Amino acid sequence: MRIERDPDFAADVRRQIAHAIQEGGVPWVVRLQEDLAEVERILAEFPQAGRELRLGRRATVRKLRLRRAPFVVWYQIGSRGKTLVLVRLFHVRQRVPD
């Protein structure tokens, strides 16, 4: 399965990395990057791994928590099941949009 990153997801990752660097948390940046790579490997093989969420009238999304870094990835599986799109990255304590 091909993994794609939505522009919102890429922006979320950049913001989290910038925040970690600003706070002197370079080890967190490495951990986040390693965890994201691991999530992509897992989802490429097991796309249904995350818990399903229904967000009102929006399309169904799934979420999967990173193993070591305190973040959750929201993703969608393409209609034909050949692609998977990482749509958002949230801190576990972050309020998420409705």
Protein backbone atom coordinates (compact mmCIF):
# COMPACT_ATOMS: atom_id res chain seq x y z
CA MET A 1 0.00 0.00 0.00
CA ARG A 2 1.27 3.47 -0.88
CA ILE A 3 1.46 5.97 2.01
CA GLU A 4 0.89 9.66 1.30
CA ARG A 5 1.11 12.68 3.58
CA ASP A 6 -1.61 15.31 3.38
CA PRO A 7 -0.31 18.92 3.45
CA ASP A 8 -2.04 19.42 6.84
CA PHE A 9 -0.18 16.42 8.23
CA ALA A 10 3.14 17.72 6.90
CA ALA A 11 2.43 21.13 8.48
CA ASP A 12 1.58 19.44 11.82
CA VAL A 13 4.89 17.56 11.75
CA ARG A 14 6.85 20.73 10.94
CA ARG A 15 5.16 22.60 13.82
CA GLN A 16 5.91 19.81 16.30
CA ILE A 17 9.54 19.60 15.19
CA ALA A 18 9.98 23.38 15.42
CA HIS A 19 8.43 23.38 18.91
CA ALA A 20 10.68 20.53 20.07
CA ILE A 21 13.81 22.25 18.74
CA GLN A 22 12.79 25.53 20.39
CA GLU A 23 12.39 23.72 23.71
CA GLY A 24 15.75 21.98 23.35
CA GLY A 25 14.16 18.61 22.68
CA VAL A 26 16.25 17.38 19.78
CA PRO A 27 15.97 13.77 21.08
CA TRP A 28 12.17 14.17 20.76
CA VAL A 29 12.58 15.11 17.12
CA VAL A 30 14.51 11.91 16.46
CA ARG A 31 11.96 9.86 18.40
CA LEU A 32 9.07 11.46 16.48
CA GLN A 33 10.73 10.78 13.13
CA GLU A 34 11.47 7.16 14.08
CA ASP A 35 7.92 6.61 15.34
CA LEU A 36 6.42 8.11 12.17
CA ALA A 37 8.57 5.81 10.03
CA GLU A 38 7.41 2.85 12.12
CA VAL A 39 3.75 3.85 11.77
CA GLU A 40 4.14 4.07 8.01
CA ARG A 41 5.66 0.57 7.91
CA ILE A 42 2.85 -0.83 10.07
CA LEU A 43 0.06 0.85 8.13
CA ALA A 44 1.51 -0.22 4.78
CA GLU A 45 1.05 -3.81 5.90
CA PHE A 46 -1.94 -3.47 8.26
CA PRO A 47 -4.02 -0.47 7.14
CA GLN A 48 -6.89 -1.34 9.48
CA ALA A 49 -4.60 -1.20 12.55
CA GLY A 50 -6.02 2.06 13.89
CA ARG A 51 -9.28 2.67 15.66
CA GLU A 52 -12.06 3.97 13.41
CA LEU A 53 -13.54 7.42 14.05
CA ARG A 54 -16.60 8.93 12.43
CA LEU A 55 -16.51 12.69 12.32
CA GLY A 56 -20.05 13.86 11.60
CA ARG A 57 -20.67 13.87 7.87
CA ARG A 58 -16.99 13.72 7.05
CA ALA A 59 -15.34 10.62 5.72
CA THR A 60 -14.31 7.96 8.16
CA VAL A 61 -10.82 8.35 9.56
CA ARG A 62 -8.73 6.07 11.72
CA LYS A 63 -6.28 6.95 14.44
CA LEU A 64 -3.16 5.26 15.69
CA ARG A 65 -0.97 6.32 18.60
CA LEU A 66 2.76 6.49 18.10
CA ARG A 67 4.72 3.99 20.16
CA ARG A 68 7.09 6.31 22.07
CA ALA A 69 6.33 9.90 21.14
CA PRO A 70 3.10 11.32 22.64
CA PHE A 71 1.26 11.78 19.36
CA VAL A 72 -1.69 10.34 17.46
CA VAL A 73 -1.83 10.00 13.67
CA TRP A 74 -5.17 10.36 11.92
CA TYR A 75 -5.36 8.67 8.52
CA GLN A 76 -7.76 7.67 5.76
CA ILE A 77 -7.70 4.66 3.50
CA GLY A 78 -8.31 5.47 -0.17
CA SER A 79 -11.56 4.35 -1.76
CA ARG A 80 -9.83 1.61 -3.74
CA GLY A 81 -7.67 0.50 -0.83
CA LYS A 82 -4.40 1.14 -2.66
CA THR A 83 -3.39 4.32 -0.88
CA LEU A 84 -3.42 5.48 2.69
CA VAL A 85 -3.25 9.19 3.52
CA LEU A 86 -1.85 10.50 6.79
CA VAL A 87 -4.14 13.48 7.38
CA ARG A 88 -3.27 14.96 10.79
CA LEU A 89 -0.83 14.63 13.69
CA PHE A 90 -2.03 15.59 17.17
CA HIS A 91 -0.36 15.60 20.57
CA VAL A 92 -2.20 13.21 22.89
CA ARG A 93 -3.29 16.13 25.11
CA GLN A 94 -4.25 18.39 22.24
CA ARG A 95 -7.88 19.24 21.62
CA VAL A 96 -8.85 17.91 18.22
CA PRO A 97 -11.21 19.54 15.69
CA ASP A 98 -14.83 18.47 15.42
